[in-house]
Amino acid sequence: RAVFSQHAAKLYDPQAPVGRSLRTDEFRYVQWQGPDGSIVAEELYKLGEKEHLTPDRNLAGDPEQRATIDRLRKILGGRMGKGGPQAG
């Protein structure tokens, strides 16, 4: 089970990154995309007792989380694509 969301970093700025996120029971994954659809940044937070989504708790740079990021990236891309959330 997953919940999806999308928002612009700066409203009315076509060059601003767009944030797309996916939350599962265990993780919150955020993908920031540039205007061309390329990934410019990623965030990964493990949810649990403390759900503080602060930069010091961002696990996206942790090599041990690579498989998790790859899996969540695939789910997010399949569900949201470049045009936003897809029905289904």
N, C-alpha and C. Protein backbone atom coordinates (compact mmCIF):
# COMPACT_ATOMS: atom_id res chain seq x y z
N ARG A 1 0.84 -1.17 0.00
CA ARG A 1 0.00 0.00 0.00
C ARG A 1 0.89 1.23 0.00
N ALA A 2 0.54 2.22 -0.84
CA ALA A 2 1.34 3.44 -0.94
C ALA A 2 0.43 4.64 -1.18
N VAL A 3 0.90 5.79 -0.73
CA VAL A 3 0.22 7.06 -0.95
C VAL A 3 1.16 7.94 -1.75
N PHE A 4 0.63 8.63 -2.77
CA PHE A 4 1.42 9.45 -3.67
C PHE A 4 1.04 10.92 -3.53
N SER A 5 1.99 11.82 -3.76
CA SER A 5 1.70 13.26 -3.79
C SER A 5 2.66 13.96 -4.73
N GLN A 6 2.29 15.19 -5.10
CA GLN A 6 3.12 15.98 -6.01
C GLN A 6 2.95 17.45 -5.68
N HIS A 7 4.04 18.21 -5.73
CA HIS A 7 3.94 19.66 -5.54
C HIS A 7 5.16 20.35 -6.16
N ALA A 8 4.95 21.61 -6.52
CA ALA A 8 6.04 22.41 -7.09
C ALA A 8 6.82 23.08 -5.97
N ALA A 9 8.13 23.19 -6.15
CA ALA A 9 8.96 23.87 -5.16
C ALA A 9 8.60 25.36 -5.11
N LYS A 10 8.35 25.94 -6.26
CA LYS A 10 7.94 27.34 -6.34
C LYS A 10 6.78 27.43 -7.32
N LEU A 11 5.65 27.78 -6.82
CA LEU A 11 4.48 27.91 -7.68
C LEU A 11 4.71 29.01 -8.71
N TYR A 12 4.26 28.81 -9.90
CA TYR A 12 4.35 29.77 -11.01
C TYR A 12 5.77 29.94 -11.56
N ASP A 13 6.67 29.06 -11.23
CA ASP A 13 8.02 29.11 -11.78
C ASP A 13 8.26 27.83 -12.57
N PRO A 14 8.16 27.90 -13.90
CA PRO A 14 8.29 26.67 -14.70
C PRO A 14 9.67 26.02 -14.62
N GLN A 15 10.68 26.74 -14.13
CA GLN A 15 12.02 26.17 -14.01
C GLN A 15 12.26 25.53 -12.64
N ALA A 16 11.34 25.71 -11.71
CA ALA A 16 11.51 25.16 -10.36
C ALA A 16 11.29 23.65 -10.38
N PRO A 17 12.02 22.94 -9.55
CA PRO A 17 11.83 21.49 -9.48
C PRO A 17 10.43 21.13 -8.98
N VAL A 18 9.99 19.98 -9.39
CA VAL A 18 8.71 19.44 -8.94
C VAL A 18 9.01 18.27 -8.02
N GLY A 19 8.39 18.27 -6.85
CA GLY A 19 8.57 17.17 -5.91
C GLY A 19 7.46 16.15 -6.05
N ARG A 20 7.86 14.90 -6.18
CA ARG A 20 6.90 13.79 -6.24
C ARG A 20 7.29 12.84 -5.12
N SER A 21 6.28 12.42 -4.36
CA SER A 21 6.63 11.57 -3.22
C SER A 21 5.73 10.35 -3.12
N LEU A 22 6.26 9.40 -2.40
CA LEU A 22 5.61 8.11 -2.19
C LEU A 22 5.83 7.76 -0.73
N ARG A 23 4.75 7.40 -0.07
CA ARG A 23 4.86 6.98 1.33
C ARG A 23 4.29 5.58 1.46
N THR A 24 5.10 4.71 2.04
CA THR A 24 4.66 3.35 2.34
C THR A 24 4.58 3.24 3.87
N ASP A 25 4.28 2.06 4.36
CA ASP A 25 4.24 1.87 5.80
C ASP A 25 5.61 2.06 6.44
N GLU A 26 6.66 1.84 5.65
CA GLU A 26 8.01 1.87 6.20
C GLU A 26 8.84 3.10 5.80
N PHE A 27 8.58 3.66 4.60
CA PHE A 27 9.43 4.74 4.09
C PHE A 27 8.61 5.87 3.48
N ARG A 28 9.25 7.04 3.45
CA ARG A 28 8.78 8.15 2.62
C ARG A 28 9.93 8.47 1.67
N TYR A 29 9.62 8.44 0.36
CA TYR A 29 10.60 8.70 -0.68
C TYR A 29 10.15 9.94 -1.45
N VAL A 30 11.05 10.90 -1.63
CA VAL A 30 10.76 12.13 -2.36
C VAL A 30 11.75 12.23 -3.51
N GLN A 31 11.21 12.53 -4.67
CA GLN A 31 12.04 12.69 -5.87
C GLN A 31 11.78 14.09 -6.41
N TRP A 32 12.84 14.88 -6.57
CA TRP A 32 12.75 16.21 -7.14
C TRP A 32 13.18 16.14 -8.59
N GLN A 33 12.31 16.62 -9.50
CA GLN A 33 12.60 16.57 -10.93
C GLN A 33 12.69 17.97 -11.51
N GLY A 34 13.67 18.14 -12.40
CA GLY A 34 13.81 19.40 -13.12
C GLY A 34 12.77 19.49 -14.22
N PRO A 35 12.71 20.62 -14.92
CA PRO A 35 11.72 20.83 -15.98
C PRO A 35 11.79 19.79 -17.10
N ASP A 36 12.97 19.20 -17.29
CA ASP A 36 13.13 18.19 -18.35
C ASP A 36 12.80 16.77 -17.86
N GLY A 37 12.38 16.64 -16.60
CA GLY A 37 12.03 15.34 -16.05
C GLY A 37 13.19 14.60 -15.40
N SER A 38 14.40 15.18 -15.46
CA SER A 38 15.55 14.52 -14.84
C SER A 38 15.46 14.64 -13.32
N ILE A 39 15.99 13.63 -12.64
CA ILE A 39 16.01 13.64 -11.18
C ILE A 39 17.15 14.54 -10.72
N VAL A 40 16.81 15.58 -9.95
CA VAL A 40 17.84 16.51 -9.47
C VAL A 40 18.18 16.26 -8.00
N ALA A 41 17.31 15.59 -7.27
CA ALA A 41 17.58 15.26 -5.87
C ALA A 41 16.60 14.19 -5.40
N GLU A 42 17.02 13.44 -4.39
CA GLU A 42 16.16 12.41 -3.80
C GLU A 42 16.27 12.47 -2.29
N GLU A 43 15.19 12.08 -1.63
CA GLU A 43 15.17 12.00 -0.17
C GLU A 43 14.54 10.66 0.21
N LEU A 44 15.03 10.06 1.27
CA LEU A 44 14.47 8.80 1.78
C LEU A 44 14.47 8.86 3.30
N TYR A 45 13.32 8.64 3.88
CA TYR A 45 13.18 8.67 5.34
C TYR A 45 12.53 7.37 5.80
N LYS A 46 13.10 6.78 6.81
CA LYS A 46 12.53 5.58 7.41
C LYS A 46 11.54 6.05 8.46
N LEU A 47 10.31 5.58 8.35
CA LEU A 47 9.27 5.98 9.27
C LEU A 47 9.22 5.01 10.44
N GLY A 48 8.88 5.50 11.58
CA GLY A 48 8.83 4.65 12.76
C GLY A 48 8.40 5.46 13.96
N GLU A 49 9.08 5.23 15.05
CA GLU A 49 8.73 5.91 16.28
C GLU A 49 8.84 7.43 16.13
N LYS A 50 9.93 7.89 15.53
CA LYS A 50 10.13 9.32 15.33
C LYS A 50 9.99 9.63 13.85
N GLU A 51 8.95 10.35 13.49
CA GLU A 51 8.72 10.66 12.08
C GLU A 51 9.17 12.07 11.74
N HIS A 52 10.33 12.45 12.24
CA HIS A 52 10.88 13.76 11.95
C HIS A 52 11.61 13.69 10.62
N LEU A 53 11.09 14.35 9.60
CA LEU A 53 11.69 14.31 8.27
C LEU A 53 12.69 15.45 8.13
N THR A 54 13.79 15.36 8.82
CA THR A 54 14.81 16.40 8.79
C THR A 54 15.97 15.95 7.92
N PRO A 55 16.72 16.91 7.35
CA PRO A 55 17.83 16.55 6.46
C PRO A 55 18.83 15.58 7.07
N ASP A 56 19.05 15.66 8.38
CA ASP A 56 20.03 14.76 8.99
C ASP A 56 19.52 13.33 9.07
N ARG A 57 18.25 13.11 8.80
CA ARG A 57 17.68 11.76 8.80
C ARG A 57 17.44 11.25 7.38
N ASN A 58 17.87 12.02 6.36
CA ASN A 58 17.70 11.63 4.97
C ASN A 58 18.67 10.49 4.67
N LEU A 59 18.13 9.33 4.29
CA LEU A 59 18.93 8.13 4.02
C LEU A 59 19.26 7.94 2.54
N ALA A 60 18.91 8.90 1.70
CA ALA A 60 19.12 8.73 0.26
C ALA A 60 20.58 8.51 -0.11
N GLY A 61 21.50 9.03 0.66
CA GLY A 61 22.91 8.86 0.36
C GLY A 61 23.53 7.61 0.96
N ASP A 62 22.75 6.83 1.67
CA ASP A 62 23.24 5.62 2.33
C ASP A 62 23.30 4.47 1.32
N PRO A 63 24.49 3.95 1.01
CA PRO A 63 24.61 2.86 0.03
C PRO A 63 23.77 1.63 0.40
N GLU A 64 23.53 1.41 1.67
CA GLU A 64 22.72 0.26 2.09
C GLU A 64 21.26 0.41 1.70
N GLN A 65 20.83 1.62 1.35
CA GLN A 65 19.44 1.87 0.97
C GLN A 65 19.23 1.90 -0.54
N ARG A 66 20.28 1.58 -1.30
CA ARG A 66 20.20 1.66 -2.77
C ARG A 66 19.05 0.80 -3.34
N ALA A 67 18.91 -0.42 -2.85
CA ALA A 67 17.84 -1.31 -3.36
C ALA A 67 16.47 -0.74 -3.02
N THR A 68 16.34 -0.17 -1.84
CA THR A 68 15.06 0.44 -1.44
C THR A 68 14.74 1.63 -2.34
N ILE A 69 15.72 2.48 -2.58
CA ILE A 69 15.50 3.64 -3.45
C ILE A 69 15.14 3.19 -4.86
N ASP A 70 15.85 2.21 -5.39
CA ASP A 70 15.54 1.70 -6.73
C ASP A 70 14.11 1.18 -6.81
N ARG A 71 13.69 0.45 -5.79
CA ARG A 71 12.33 -0.12 -5.77
C ARG A 71 11.28 0.99 -5.70
N LEU A 72 11.49 1.98 -4.81
CA LEU A 72 10.52 3.06 -4.67
C LEU A 72 10.52 3.97 -5.89
N ARG A 73 11.69 4.18 -6.49
CA ARG A 73 11.77 4.98 -7.72
C ARG A 73 10.94 4.33 -8.83
N LYS A 74 11.03 3.02 -8.93
CA LYS A 74 10.28 2.30 -9.96
C LYS A 74 8.77 2.40 -9.70
N ILE A 75 8.36 2.25 -8.46
CA ILE A 75 6.93 2.36 -8.12
C ILE A 75 6.44 3.77 -8.42
N LEU A 76 7.19 4.78 -8.01
CA LEU A 76 6.79 6.16 -8.23
C LEU A 76 6.71 6.49 -9.71
N GLY A 77 7.70 6.08 -10.48
CA GLY A 77 7.70 6.34 -11.92
C GLY A 77 6.56 5.64 -12.63
N GLY A 78 6.26 4.43 -12.22
CA GLY A 78 5.16 3.69 -12.84
C GLY A 78 3.81 4.29 -12.52
N ARG A 79 3.69 4.87 -11.36
CA ARG A 79 2.41 5.43 -10.95
C ARG A 79 2.22 6.88 -11.40
N MET A 80 3.31 7.65 -11.38
CA MET A 80 3.17 9.08 -11.64
C MET A 80 3.74 9.52 -12.99
N GLY A 81 4.69 8.81 -13.53
CA GLY A 81 5.28 9.20 -14.80
C GLY A 81 5.79 10.64 -14.77
N LYS A 82 5.85 11.29 -15.90
CA LYS A 82 6.29 12.69 -15.96
C LYS A 82 5.12 13.65 -15.86
N GLY A 83 3.92 13.16 -16.08
CA GLY A 83 2.77 14.06 -16.13
C GLY A 83 1.97 14.13 -14.85
N GLY A 84 2.41 13.53 -13.80
CA GLY A 84 1.69 13.58 -12.54
C GLY A 84 1.02 12.25 -12.22
N PRO A 85 0.20 12.23 -11.19
CA PRO A 85 -0.42 10.98 -10.76
C PRO A 85 -1.27 10.35 -11.85
N GLN A 86 -1.22 9.05 -11.91
CA GLN A 86 -2.02 8.28 -12.86
C GLN A 86 -3.12 7.55 -12.11
N ALA A 87 -4.26 7.46 -12.69
CA ALA A 87 -5.37 6.73 -12.06
C ALA A 87 -5.04 5.27 -12.04
N GLY A 88 -5.57 4.59 -11.02
CA GLY A 88 -5.35 3.15 -11.01
C GLY A 88 -5.28 2.54 -9.68
